[in-house]
PDB file of N, CA and C in Angstrom:
ATOM      1  N   MET A   1       0.486  31.467 -26.857  1.00  0.00           N
ATOM      2  CA  MET A   1       0.256  30.062 -27.277  1.00  0.00           C
ATOM      3  C   MET A   1      -0.616  30.024 -28.410  1.00  0.00           C
ATOM      4  N   PRO A   2      -0.493  29.270 -29.177  1.00  0.00           N
ATOM      5  CA  PRO A   2      -1.529  29.160 -30.444  1.00  0.00           C
ATOM      6  C   PRO A   2      -3.151  28.706 -29.694  1.00  0.00           C
ATOM      7  N   GLN A   3      -3.899  28.938 -30.525  1.00  0.00           N
ATOM      8  CA  GLN A   3      -5.443  28.409 -29.718  1.00  0.00           C
ATOM      9  C   GLN A   3      -5.278  26.524 -29.478  1.00  0.00           C
ATOM     10  N   GLU A   4      -4.892  26.116 -30.343  1.00  0.00           N
ATOM     11  CA  GLU A   4      -5.055  24.628 -30.563  1.00  0.00           C
ATOM     12  C   GLU A   4      -3.861  24.045 -29.608  1.00  0.00           C
ATOM     13  N   LYS A   5      -3.125  24.772 -28.865  1.00  0.00           N
ATOM     14  CA  LYS A   5      -1.886  24.337 -28.101  1.00  0.00           C
ATOM     15  C   LYS A   5      -2.102  24.821 -26.726  1.00  0.00           C
ATOM     16  N   ARG A   6      -3.114  25.676 -26.248  1.00  0.00           N
ATOM     17  CA  ARG A   6      -3.384  26.379 -25.059  1.00  0.00           C
ATOM     18  C   ARG A   6      -3.964  25.119 -23.723  1.00  0.00           C
ATOM     19  N   TYR A   7      -3.782  25.326 -23.213  1.00  0.00           N
ATOM     20  CA  TYR A   7      -4.621  24.362 -21.461  1.00  0.00           C
ATOM     21  C   TYR A   7      -5.816  24.946 -21.681  1.00  0.00           C
ATOM     22  N   ASN A   8      -6.637  23.848 -22.190  1.00  0.00           N
ATOM     23  CA  ASN A   8      -8.162  23.658 -21.982  1.00  0.00           C
ATOM     24  C   ASN A   8      -8.840  23.504 -20.601  1.00  0.00           C
ATOM     25  N   LYS A   9      -9.492  24.671 -20.252  1.00  0.00           N
ATOM     26  CA  LYS A   9     -10.002  24.655 -18.614  1.00  0.00           C
ATOM     27  C   LYS A   9     -11.407  23.712 -18.936  1.00  0.00           C
ATOM     28  N   LEU A  10     -11.783  23.258 -17.994  1.00  0.00           N
ATOM     29  CA  LEU A  10     -12.685  22.304 -17.866  1.00  0.00           C
ATOM     30  C   LEU A  10     -13.916  23.490 -17.970  1.00  0.00           C
ATOM     31  N   LYS A  11     -15.074  22.960 -18.965  1.00  0.00           N
ATOM     32  CA  LYS A  11     -16.218  23.526 -19.053  1.00  0.00           C
ATOM     33  C   LYS A  11     -16.942  23.646 -18.158  1.00  0.00           C
ATOM     34  N   GLN A  12     -17.747  24.539 -17.788  1.00  0.00           N
ATOM     35  CA  GLN A  12     -18.461  24.351 -16.687  1.00  0.00           C
ATOM     36  C   GLN A  12     -19.460  23.053 -16.228  1.00  0.00           C
ATOM     37  N   GLU A  13     -20.207  22.780 -17.064  1.00  0.00           N
ATOM     38  CA  GLU A  13     -20.759  21.410 -16.649  1.00  0.00           C
ATOM     39  C   GLU A  13     -19.890  20.472 -15.826  1.00  0.00           C
ATOM     40  N   GLY A  14     -18.567  20.122 -16.139  1.00  0.00           N
ATOM     41  CA  GLY A  14     -17.353  19.641 -15.763  1.00  0.00           C
ATOM     42  C   GLY A  14     -17.270  19.781 -14.637  1.00  0.00           C
ATOM     43  N   LYS A  15     -17.116  20.734 -14.330  1.00  0.00           N
ATOM     44  CA  LYS A  15     -16.904  21.492 -12.718  1.00  0.00           C
ATOM     45  C   LYS A  15     -17.830  21.233 -12.181  1.00  0.00           C
ATOM     46  N   LYS A  16     -19.133  21.440 -12.468  1.00  0.00           N
ATOM     47  CA  LYS A  16     -20.390  20.862 -11.525  1.00  0.00           C
ATOM     48  C   LYS A  16     -20.305  19.772 -11.334  1.00  0.00           C
ATOM     49  N   ILE A  17     -20.073  18.747 -12.111  1.00  0.00           N
ATOM     50  CA  ILE A  17     -20.041  17.091 -12.170  1.00  0.00           C
ATOM     51  C   ILE A  17     -19.004  17.045 -11.216  1.00  0.00           C
ATOM     52  N   LYS A  18     -17.897  17.819 -11.474  1.00  0.00           N
ATOM     53  CA  LYS A  18     -16.749  17.769 -10.105  1.00  0.00           C
ATOM     54  C   LYS A  18     -16.799  17.833  -8.878  1.00  0.00           C
ATOM     55  N   ASN A  19     -17.736  18.924  -8.731  1.00  0.00           N
ATOM     56  CA  ASN A  19     -18.036  19.280  -7.455  1.00  0.00           C
ATOM     57  C   ASN A  19     -19.491  18.768  -6.898  1.00  0.00           C
ATOM     58  N   ALA A  20     -20.150  18.001  -7.531  1.00  0.00           N
ATOM     59  CA  ALA A  20     -21.242  17.596  -7.455  1.00  0.00           C
ATOM     60  C   ALA A  20     -20.902  16.135  -6.629  1.00  0.00           C
ATOM     61  N   ILE A  21     -19.653  15.509  -7.206  1.00  0.00           N
ATOM     62  CA  ILE A  21     -18.946  14.109  -7.198  1.00  0.00           C
ATOM     63  C   ILE A  21     -18.455  14.000  -5.686  1.00  0.00           C
ATOM     64  N   ILE A  22     -17.946  15.368  -5.232  1.00  0.00           N
ATOM     65  CA  ILE A  22     -16.724  15.714  -4.170  1.00  0.00           C
ATOM     66  C   ILE A  22     -17.633  15.811  -2.867  1.00  0.00           C
ATOM     67  N   MET A  23     -19.074  16.809  -3.342  1.00  0.00           N
ATOM     68  CA  MET A  23     -20.099  17.064  -2.042  1.00  0.00           C
ATOM     69  C   MET A  23     -20.879  15.566  -1.812  1.00  0.00           C
ATOM     70  N   LEU A  24     -20.916  14.647  -2.915  1.00  0.00           N
ATOM     71  CA  LEU A  24     -21.583  13.367  -2.355  1.00  0.00           C
ATOM     72  C   LEU A  24     -20.439  12.811  -1.541  1.00  0.00           C
ATOM     73  N   ALA A  25     -19.205  12.836  -2.140  1.00  0.00           N
ATOM     74  CA  ALA A  25     -18.303  11.845  -1.330  1.00  0.00           C
ATOM     75  C   ALA A  25     -18.103  12.075  -0.038  1.00  0.00           C
ATOM     76  N   TYR A  26     -17.958  13.788   0.200  1.00  0.00           N
ATOM     77  CA  TYR A  26     -17.804  14.521   1.196  1.00  0.00           C
ATOM     78  C   TYR A  26     -19.009  13.418   2.808  1.00  0.00           C
ATOM     79  N   ARG A  27     -20.134  14.025   1.923  1.00  0.00           N
ATOM     80  CA  ARG A  27     -21.559  13.577   2.828  1.00  0.00           C
ATOM     81  C   ARG A  27     -21.700  12.223   3.062  1.00  0.00           C
ATOM     82  N   ALA A  28     -21.117  11.296   2.362  1.00  0.00           N
ATOM     83  CA  ALA A  28     -20.901  10.166   2.695  1.00  0.00           C
ATOM     84  C   ALA A  28     -19.953   9.640   3.778  1.00  0.00           C
ATOM     85  N   GLU A  29     -18.975  10.387   3.688  1.00  0.00           N
ATOM     86  CA  GLU A  29     -18.032  10.201   4.945  1.00  0.00           C
ATOM     87  C   GLU A  29     -18.445  11.155   5.837  1.00  0.00           C
ATOM     88  N   SER A  30     -19.344  11.740   6.069  1.00  0.00           N
ATOM     89  CA  SER A  30     -19.800  12.319   7.088  1.00  0.00           C
ATOM     90  C   SER A  30     -20.417  11.689   8.157  1.00  0.00           C
ATOM     91  N   VAL A  31     -21.732  10.999   7.144  1.00  0.00           N
ATOM     92  CA  VAL A  31     -22.468   9.813   7.560  1.00  0.00           C
ATOM     93  C   VAL A  31     -22.115   9.119   8.522  1.00  0.00           C
ATOM     94  N   LEU A  32     -20.400   7.930   7.499  1.00  0.00           N
ATOM     95  CA  LEU A  32     -20.523   7.184   8.037  1.00  0.00           C
ATOM     96  C   LEU A  32     -19.486   7.859   9.607  1.00  0.00           C
ATOM     97  N   PHE A  33     -18.745   9.140   9.505  1.00  0.00           N
ATOM     98  CA  PHE A  33     -18.408   9.517  11.065  1.00  0.00           C
ATOM     99  C   PHE A  33     -19.088   9.707  11.927  1.00  0.00           C
ATOM    100  N   ASN A  34     -20.740  10.201  11.756  1.00  0.00           N
ATOM    101  CA  ASN A  34     -21.584  10.485  12.471  1.00  0.00           C
ATOM    102  C   ASN A  34     -22.046   8.749  13.029  1.00  0.00           C
ATOM    103  N   ALA A  35     -22.041   7.715  12.150  1.00  0.00           N
ATOM    104  CA  ALA A  35     -22.808   6.325  12.732  1.00  0.00           C
ATOM    105  C   ALA A  35     -21.267   6.142  13.832  1.00  0.00           C
ATOM    106  N   LEU A  36     -20.083   6.262  13.505  1.00  0.00           N
ATOM    107  CA  LEU A  36     -18.678   5.852  14.238  1.00  0.00           C
ATOM    108  C   LEU A  36     -18.856   6.583  15.611  1.00  0.00           C
ATOM    109  N   ARG A  37     -19.509   7.761  15.961  1.00  0.00           N
ATOM    110  CA  ARG A  37     -19.820   8.168  17.192  1.00  0.00           C
ATOM    111  C   ARG A  37     -20.190   7.256  18.212  1.00  0.00           C
ATOM    112  N   ASP A  38     -21.728   6.941  17.579  1.00  0.00           N
ATOM    113  CA  ASP A  38     -22.167   5.780  18.438  1.00  0.00           C
ATOM    114  C   ASP A  38     -21.796   4.777  19.655  1.00  0.00           C
ATOM    115  N   PHE A  39     -20.545   4.033  18.735  1.00  0.00           N
ATOM    116  CA  PHE A  39     -19.823   3.384  19.068  1.00  0.00           C
ATOM    117  C   PHE A  39     -17.941   3.330  19.436  1.00  0.00           C
ATOM    118  N   TYR A  40     -17.920   4.335  19.312  1.00  0.00           N
ATOM    119  CA  TYR A  40     -16.128   4.463  18.839  1.00  0.00           C
ATOM    120  C   TYR A  40     -15.872   6.045  19.883  1.00  0.00           C
ATOM    121  N   LYS A  41     -15.602   5.534  20.675  1.00  0.00           N
ATOM    122  CA  LYS A  41     -15.462   7.167  21.681  1.00  0.00           C
ATOM    123  C   LYS A  41     -13.993   7.837  21.416  1.00  0.00           C
ATOM    124  N   TYR A  42     -13.365   7.408  20.550  1.00  0.00           N
ATOM    125  CA  TYR A  42     -12.152   8.386  19.860  1.00  0.00           C
ATOM    126  C   TYR A  42     -12.586   9.406  18.563  1.00  0.00           C
ATOM    127  N   THR A  43     -13.615   8.874  18.326  1.00  0.00           N
ATOM    128  CA  THR A  43     -14.326   9.625  17.208  1.00  0.00           C
ATOM    129  C   THR A  43     -14.109  10.753  16.993  1.00  0.00           C
ATOM    130  N   GLY A  44     -13.894  12.054  18.229  1.00  0.00           N
ATOM    131  CA  GLY A  44     -13.718  12.984  18.050  1.00  0.00           C
ATOM    132  C   GLY A  44     -11.672  13.243  17.479  1.00  0.00           C
ATOM    133  N   LYS A  45     -10.997  12.505  17.902  1.00  0.00           N
ATOM    134  CA  LYS A  45      -9.484  12.865  17.609  1.00  0.00           C
ATOM    135  C   LYS A  45      -9.318  11.768  16.117  1.00  0.00           C
ATOM    136  N   GLU A  46      -9.999  10.481  15.945  1.00  0.00           N
ATOM    137  CA  GLU A  46      -9.409   9.418  15.157  1.00  0.00           C
ATOM    138  C   GLU A  46     -10.243   8.778  13.900  1.00  0.00           C
ATOM    139  N   GLY A  47     -11.595   9.781  14.626  1.00  0.00           N
ATOM    140  CA  GLY A  47     -12.769   9.673  13.488  1.00  0.00           C
ATOM    141  C   GLY A  47     -12.668   9.593  11.924  1.00  0.00           C
ATOM    142  N   ARG A  48     -12.400  10.382  11.375  1.00  0.00           N
ATOM    143  CA  ARG A  48     -11.669  10.889  10.244  1.00  0.00           C
ATOM    144  C   ARG A  48     -10.746  10.207   9.561  1.00  0.00           C
ATOM    145  N   ILE A  49      -9.944  10.007  10.355  1.00  0.00           N
ATOM    146  CA  ILE A  49      -8.593   8.942   9.982  1.00  0.00           C
ATOM    147  C   ILE A  49      -9.684   7.714   9.618  1.00  0.00           C
ATOM    148  N   ILE A  50     -10.051   7.245  10.682  1.00  0.00           N
ATOM    149  CA  ILE A  50     -10.561   5.827  10.596  1.00  0.00           C
ATOM    150  C   ILE A  50     -11.309   5.764   9.196  1.00  0.00           C
ATOM    151  N   ILE A  51     -11.971   6.840   8.861  1.00  0.00           N
ATOM    152  CA  ILE A  51     -12.768   6.726   7.963  1.00  0.00           C
ATOM    153  C   ILE A  51     -12.053   6.806   6.584  1.00  0.00           C
ATOM    154  N   ASN A  52     -10.945   7.385   7.023  1.00  0.00           N
ATOM    155  CA  ASN A  52     -10.361   7.925   5.035  1.00  0.00           C
ATOM    156  C   ASN A  52      -9.388   6.120   5.492  1.00  0.00           C
ATOM    157  N   GLU A  53      -8.697   5.388   6.399  1.00  0.00           N
ATOM    158  CA  GLU A  53      -8.044   4.568   6.299  1.00  0.00           C
ATOM    159  C   GLU A  53      -9.044   3.301   5.622  1.00  0.00           C
ATOM    160  N   ILE A  54     -10.588   3.649   5.780  1.00  0.00           N
ATOM    161  CA  ILE A  54     -11.514   2.617   5.257  1.00  0.00           C
ATOM    162  C   ILE A  54     -11.762   2.753   3.851  1.00  0.00           C
ATOM    163  N   PHE A  55     -11.602   3.850   3.220  1.00  0.00           N
ATOM    164  CA  PHE A  55     -11.771   4.248   2.029  1.00  0.00           C
ATOM    165  C   PHE A  55     -10.646   4.039   0.823  1.00  0.00           C
ATOM    166  N   THR A  56      -9.713   4.063   1.923  1.00  0.00           N
ATOM    167  CA  THR A  56      -8.245   3.666   1.240  1.00  0.00           C
ATOM    168  C   THR A  56      -7.782   2.488   1.404  1.00  0.00           C
ATOM    169  N   SER A  57      -8.242   1.883   2.163  1.00  0.00           N
ATOM    170  CA  SER A  57      -7.331   0.374   2.541  1.00  0.00           C
ATOM    171  C   SER A  57      -8.068  -0.554   1.506  1.00  0.00           C
ATOM    172  N   GLU A  58      -7.624  -1.908   1.281  1.00  0.00           N
ATOM    173  CA  GLU A  58      -8.188  -2.534   0.606  1.00  0.00           C
ATOM    174  C   GLU A  58      -9.131  -3.813   0.803  1.00  0.00           C
ATOM    175  N   ALA A  59     -10.133  -4.183  -0.441  1.00  0.00           N
ATOM    176  CA  ALA A  59     -11.036  -4.931  -0.028  1.00  0.00           C
ATOM    177  C   ALA A  59     -11.277  -5.930  -1.171  1.00  0.00           C
ATOM    178  N   ASP A  60     -11.926  -7.151  -0.534  1.00  0.00           N
ATOM    179  CA  ASP A  60     -12.300  -8.444  -1.980  1.00  0.00           C
ATOM    180  C   ASP A  60     -13.683  -7.809  -2.077  1.00  0.00           C
ATOM    181  N   ILE A  61     -14.208  -7.753  -3.518  1.00  0.00           N
ATOM    182  CA  ILE A  61     -15.492  -7.820  -3.820  1.00  0.00           C
ATOM    183  C   ILE A  61     -15.990  -9.147  -4.030  1.00  0.00           C
ATOM    184  N   ILE A  62     -16.929 -10.095  -3.771  1.00  0.00           N
ATOM    185  CA  ILE A  62     -17.181 -11.196  -3.599  1.00  0.00           C
ATOM    186  C   ILE A  62     -18.620 -11.512  -3.941  1.00  0.00           C
ATOM    187  N   PRO A  63     -18.820 -11.474  -5.182  1.00  0.00           N
ATOM    188  CA  PRO A  63     -20.200 -11.522  -5.864  1.00  0.00           C
ATOM    189  C   PRO A  63     -20.912 -13.530  -5.854  1.00  0.00           C
ATOM    190  N   GLY A  64     -21.867 -13.324  -5.067  1.00  0.00           N
ATOM    191  CA  GLY A  64     -22.949 -14.433  -4.661  1.00  0.00           C
ATOM    192  C   GLY A  64     -24.058 -14.434  -5.448  1.00  0.00           C
ATOM    193  N   TYR A  65     -24.127 -14.906  -6.691  1.00  0.00           N
ATOM    194  CA  TYR A  65     -25.007 -14.671  -7.509  1.00  0.00           C
ATOM    195  C   TYR A  65     -26.354 -15.663  -6.972  1.00  0.00           C
ATOM    196  N   GLN A  66     -25.631 -16.664  -6.413  1.00  0.00           N
ATOM    197  CA  GLN A  66     -26.878 -18.046  -6.290  1.00  0.00           C
ATOM    198  C   GLN A  66     -27.690 -17.427  -4.598  1.00  0.00           C
ATOM    199  N   ASN A  67     -26.968 -16.454  -3.683  1.00  0.00           N
ATOM    200  CA  ASN A  67     -27.769 -16.250  -2.539  1.00  0.00           C
ATOM    201  C   ASN A  67     -27.949 -14.846  -3.024  1.00  0.00           C
ATOM    202  N   LYS A  68     -27.502 -14.468  -4.153  1.00  0.00           N
ATOM    203  CA  LYS A  68     -28.503 -13.065  -4.355  1.00  0.00           C
ATOM    204  C   LYS A  68     -27.478 -11.984  -3.793  1.00  0.00           C
ATOM    205  N   THR A  69     -26.078 -12.135  -3.310  1.00  0.00           N
ATOM    206  CA  THR A  69     -25.409 -11.455  -2.307  1.00  0.00           C
ATOM    207  C   THR A  69     -24.172 -10.784  -3.191  1.00  0.00           C
ATOM    208  N   LEU A  70     -23.640  -9.433  -2.632  1.00  0.00           N
ATOM    209  CA  LEU A  70     -22.209  -9.033  -2.972  1.00  0.00           C
ATOM    210  C   LEU A  70     -21.388  -8.523  -2.274  1.00  0.00           C
ATOM    211  N   THR A  71     -20.603  -9.596  -1.322  1.00  0.00           N
ATOM    212  CA  THR A  71     -20.262  -9.234  -0.029  1.00  0.00           C
ATOM    213  C   THR A  71     -18.837  -8.573  -0.599  1.00  0.00           C
ATOM    214  N   VAL A  72     -18.786  -7.202   0.345  1.00  0.00           N
ATOM    215  CA  VAL A  72     -17.702  -6.427   0.518  1.00  0.00           C
ATOM    216  C   VAL A  72     -16.609  -6.956   1.509  1.00  0.00           C
ATOM    217  N   LYS A  73     -15.403  -7.558   1.432  1.00  0.00           N
ATOM    218  CA  LYS A  73     -14.830  -8.152   2.486  1.00  0.00           C
ATOM    219  C   LYS A  73     -13.559  -7.059   2.872  1.00  0.00           C
ATOM    220  N   ARG A  74     -13.450  -5.993   4.083  1.00  0.00           N
ATOM    221  CA  ARG A  74     -12.737  -5.327   3.999  1.00  0.00           C
ATOM    222  C   ARG A  74     -11.472  -6.010   4.337  1.00  0.00           C
ATOM    223  N   HIS A  75     -10.168  -5.670   4.001  1.00  0.00           N
ATOM    224  CA  HIS A  75      -8.667  -6.167   4.698  1.00  0.00           C
ATOM    225  C   HIS A  75      -8.796  -5.667   6.201  1.00  0.00           C
ATOM    226  N   SER A  76      -7.699  -5.958   7.052  1.00  0.00           N
ATOM    227  CA  SER A  76      -7.331  -5.422   8.486  1.00  0.00           C
ATOM    228  C   SER A  76      -6.895  -4.177   8.287  1.00  0.00           C
ATOM    229  N   LEU A  77      -7.430  -3.661   9.408  1.00  0.00           N
ATOM    230  CA  LEU A  77      -6.521  -1.823   9.464  1.00  0.00           C
ATOM    231  C   LEU A  77      -5.447  -1.745  10.629  1.00  0.00           C
ATOM    232  N   SER A  78      -4.975  -0.610  10.860  1.00  0.00           N
ATOM    233  CA  SER A  78      -4.001  -0.176  11.459  1.00  0.00           C
ATOM    234  C   SER A  78      -3.710  -0.496  12.589  1.00  0.00           C
ATOM    235  N   THR A  79      -4.900  -1.145  13.231  1.00  0.00           N
ATOM    236  CA  THR A  79      -4.612  -0.824  14.574  1.00  0.00           C
ATOM    237  C   THR A  79      -6.395  -1.498  15.370  1.00  0.00           C
ATOM    238  N   PRO A  80      -6.517  -2.374  16.637  1.00  0.00           N
ATOM    239  CA  PRO A  80      -7.173  -3.017  16.760  1.00  0.00           C
ATOM    240  C   PRO A  80      -8.436  -2.144  17.023  1.00  0.00           C
ATOM    241  N   ARG A  81      -8.071  -1.019  17.665  1.00  0.00           N
ATOM    242  CA  ARG A  81      -9.294  -0.109  17.685  1.00  0.00           C
ATOM    243  C   ARG A  81     -10.505   0.314  16.384  1.00  0.00           C
ATOM    244  N   ALA A  82      -9.235   0.544  15.569  1.00  0.00           N
ATOM    245  CA  ALA A  82      -9.927   0.532  13.991  1.00  0.00           C
ATOM    246  C   ALA A  82     -10.536  -0.645  13.826  1.00  0.00           C
ATOM    247  N   ASN A  83      -9.798  -1.698  13.667  1.00  0.00           N
ATOM    248  CA  ASN A  83     -10.454  -2.840  13.318  1.00  0.00           C
ATOM    249  C   ASN A  83     -11.873  -3.171  14.255  1.00  0.00           C
ATOM    250  N   ASP A  84     -11.758  -2.890  15.402  1.00  0.00           N
ATOM    251  CA  ASP A  84     -13.202  -3.209  16.512  1.00  0.00           C
ATOM    252  C   ASP A  84     -14.347  -1.919  15.848  1.00  0.00           C
ATOM    253  N   ALA A  85     -14.061  -0.809  15.667  1.00  0.00           N
ATOM    254  CA  ALA A  85     -14.956  -0.181  14.626  1.00  0.00           C
ATOM    255  C   ALA A  85     -15.727  -0.392  13.367  1.00  0.00           C
ATOM    256  N   VAL A  86     -14.298  -1.069  12.622  1.00  0.00           N
ATOM    257  CA  VAL A  86     -14.885  -1.280  11.382  1.00  0.00           C
ATOM    258  C   VAL A  86     -15.358  -2.656  11.617  1.00  0.00           C
ATOM    259  N   ILE A  87     -15.662  -3.384  12.466  1.00  0.00           N
ATOM    260  CA  ILE A  87     -16.576  -4.496  12.641  1.00  0.00           C
ATOM    261  C   ILE A  87     -18.105  -3.983  12.664  1.00  0.00           C
ATOM    262  N   LYS A  88     -18.101  -3.345  13.790  1.00  0.00           N
ATOM    263  CA  LYS A  88     -19.369  -2.251  14.360  1.00  0.00           C
ATOM    264  C   LYS A  88     -20.067  -1.421  12.837  1.00  0.00           C
ATOM    265  N   LEU A  89     -19.210  -1.203  12.445  1.00  0.00           N
ATOM    266  CA  LEU A  89     -19.970  -0.127  11.316  1.00  0.00           C
ATOM    267  C   LEU A  89     -20.198  -0.901  10.031  1.00  0.00           C
ATOM    268  N   CYS A  90     -19.684  -2.554   9.946  1.00  0.00           N
ATOM    269  CA  CYS A  90     -20.044  -3.410   9.111  1.00  0.00           C
ATOM    270  C   CYS A  90     -21.705  -4.116   9.511  1.00  0.00           C
ATOM    271  N   GLN A  91     -21.405  -4.274  10.901  1.00  0.00           N
ATOM    272  CA  GLN A  91     -22.958  -4.523  11.167  1.00  0.00           C
ATOM    273  C   GLN A  91     -24.194  -3.753  11.174  1.00  0.00           C
ATOM    274  N   LEU A  92     -23.732  -2.223  11.349  1.00  0.00           N
ATOM    275  CA  LEU A  92     -24.715  -1.139  10.908  1.00  0.00           C
ATOM    276  C   LEU A  92     -24.981  -1.059   9.646  1.00  0.00           C
ATOM    277  N   LEU A  93     -24.235  -1.422   9.106  1.00  0.00           N
ATOM    278  CA  LEU A  93     -24.662  -1.157   7.362  1.00  0.00           C
ATOM    279  C   LEU A  93     -25.236  -2.561   6.680  1.00  0.00           C
ATOM    280  N   ASN A  94     -24.875  -3.806   7.510  1.00  0.00           N
ATOM    281  CA  ASN A  94     -25.600  -5.043   6.989  1.00  0.00           C
ATOM    282  C   ASN A  94     -27.024  -4.593   7.776  1.00  0.00           C
ATOM    283  N   GLU A  95     -27.544  -4.227   8.551  1.00  0.00           N
ATOM    284  CA  GLU A  95     -28.890  -3.996   8.796  1.00  0.00           C
ATOM    285  C   GLU A  95     -29.577  -3.040   7.921  1.00  0.00           C
ATOM    286  N   THR A  96     -29.167  -2.336   6.992  1.00  0.00           N
ATOM    287  CA  THR A  96     -29.844  -1.331   6.160  1.00  0.00           C
ATOM    288  C   THR A  96     -30.318  -2.809   5.040  1.00  0.00           C
ATOM    289  N   GLU A  97     -29.678  -3.615   4.690  1.00  0.00           N
ATOM    290  CA  GLU A  97     -29.842  -4.337   3.575  1.00  0.00           C
ATOM    291  C   GLU A  97     -30.176  -3.789   2.326  1.00  0.00           C
ATOM    292  N   THR A  98     -29.216  -3.275   1.972  1.00  0.00           N
ATOM    293  CA  THR A  98     -29.000  -2.319   0.953  1.00  0.00           C
ATOM    294  C   THR A  98     -29.236  -3.395  -0.468  1.00  0.00           C
ATOM    295  N   ILE A  99     -29.553  -2.846  -1.516  1.00  0.00           N
ATOM    296  CA  ILE A  99     -29.076  -3.597  -2.954  1.00  0.00           C
ATOM    297  C   ILE A  99     -28.439  -2.815  -3.462  1.00  0.00           C
ATOM    298  N   TYR A 100     -27.414  -3.414  -4.250  1.00  0.00           N
ATOM    299  CA  TYR A 100     -26.651  -3.070  -4.880  1.00  0.00           C
ATOM    300  C   TYR A 100     -26.952  -2.370  -6.563  1.00  0.00           C
ATOM    301  N   PRO A 101     -27.176  -1.032  -6.635  1.00  0.00           N
ATOM    302  CA  PRO A 101     -27.914  -0.715  -7.919  1.00  0.00           C
ATOM    303  C   PRO A 101     -27.584  -1.232  -9.226  1.00  0.00           C
ATOM    304  N   TYR A 102     -28.880  -1.132  -9.498  1.00  0.00           N
ATOM    305  CA  TYR A 102     -28.766  -2.073 -11.242  1.00  0.00           C
ATOM    306  C   TYR A 102     -28.289  -3.306 -11.000  1.00  0.00           C
ATOM    307  N   SER A 103     -29.204  -4.174 -10.184  1.00  0.00           N
ATOM    308  CA  SER A 103     -28.725  -5.510  -9.663  1.00  0.00           C
ATOM    309  C   SER A 103     -30.056  -6.094  -8.823  1.00  0.00           C
ATOM    310  N   ASP A 104     -29.856  -7.269  -8.600  1.00  0.00           N
ATOM    311  CA  ASP A 104     -30.494  -8.167  -7.274  1.00  0.00           C
ATOM    312  C   ASP A 104     -29.751  -7.959  -6.402  1.00  0.00           C
ATOM    313  N   LEU A 105     -28.511  -7.879  -5.981  1.00  0.00           N
ATOM    314  CA  LEU A 105     -27.642  -8.094  -5.171  1.00  0.00           C
ATOM    315  C   LEU A 105     -27.805  -7.687  -4.001  1.00  0.00           C
ATOM    316  N   ARG A 106     -27.768  -7.928  -2.723  1.00  0.00           N
ATOM    317  CA  ARG A 106     -27.795  -7.259  -1.452  1.00  0.00           C
ATOM    318  C   ARG A 106     -26.290  -7.332  -1.131  1.00  0.00           C
ATOM    319  N   LEU A 107     -26.188  -6.037  -0.475  1.00  0.00           N
ATOM    320  CA  LEU A 107     -24.731  -6.107  -0.393  1.00  0.00           C
ATOM    321  C   LEU A 107     -24.623  -6.703   0.984  1.00  0.00           C
ATOM    322  N   ILE A 108     -23.278  -7.098   1.553  1.00  0.00           N
ATOM    323  CA  ILE A 108     -22.933  -7.382   3.036  1.00  0.00           C
ATOM    324  C   ILE A 108     -21.380  -7.388   2.893  1.00  0.00           C
ATOM    325  N   TYR A 109     -21.332  -6.460   4.104  1.00  0.00           N
ATOM    326  CA  TYR A 109     -20.044  -5.746   4.641  1.00  0.00           C
ATOM    327  C   TYR A 109     -19.199  -6.745   5.652  1.00  0.00           C
ATOM    328  N   GLN A 110     -18.228  -7.385   5.019  1.00  0.00           N
ATOM    329  CA  GLN A 110     -17.201  -8.186   6.392  1.00  0.00           C
ATOM    330  C   GLN A 110     -15.925  -6.999   6.328  1.00  0.00           C
ATOM    331  N   THR A 111     -14.968  -7.637   7.809  1.00  0.00           N
ATOM    332  CA  THR A 111     -13.903  -7.592   7.854  1.00  0.00           C
ATOM    333  C   THR A 111     -13.332  -8.575   8.213  1.00  0.00           C
ATOM    334  N   VAL A 112     -11.817  -9.010   7.586  1.00  0.00           N
ATOM    335  CA  VAL A 112     -10.877 -10.187   7.987  1.00  0.00           C
ATOM    336  C   VAL A 112     -10.865  -9.998   9.680  1.00  0.00           C
ATOM    337  N   ALA A 113     -10.633  -9.213   9.909  1.00  0.00           N
ATOM    338  CA  ALA A 113     -10.081  -8.738  11.503  1.00  0.00           C
ATOM    339  C   ALA A 113     -11.364  -9.343  12.537  1.00  0.00           C
ATOM    340  N   GLY A 114     -12.308  -9.650  12.252  1.00  0.00           N
ATOM    341  CA  GLY A 114     -13.158 -10.869  12.997  1.00  0.00           C
ATOM    342  C   GLY A 114     -14.312 -11.158  12.562  1.00  0.00           C
TER     343      GLY A 114
END
């Protein structure tokens, strides 16, 4: 193939950025998985599945500029057990009082399931 039509591989810097993002996502997943262990007895079997469902299910992001909040409202998951786990995970995350980067909005996690 001519040089201009060849498949261009990712440059080394691009690969490093991609790998860093993958590592950060896995670490975030692992932190949530470990937090889930404290209140969900089926973590060994279903923990990663629930975390994956949390990451891939829908949520509403609602800014509250007057209250300086950014609410992430999770939609219901597939089972009542998973919904109970998410409620407790939301409570745990809310206790951190995290400020959304580059803003003064405090993150609030909620679920419509409870």
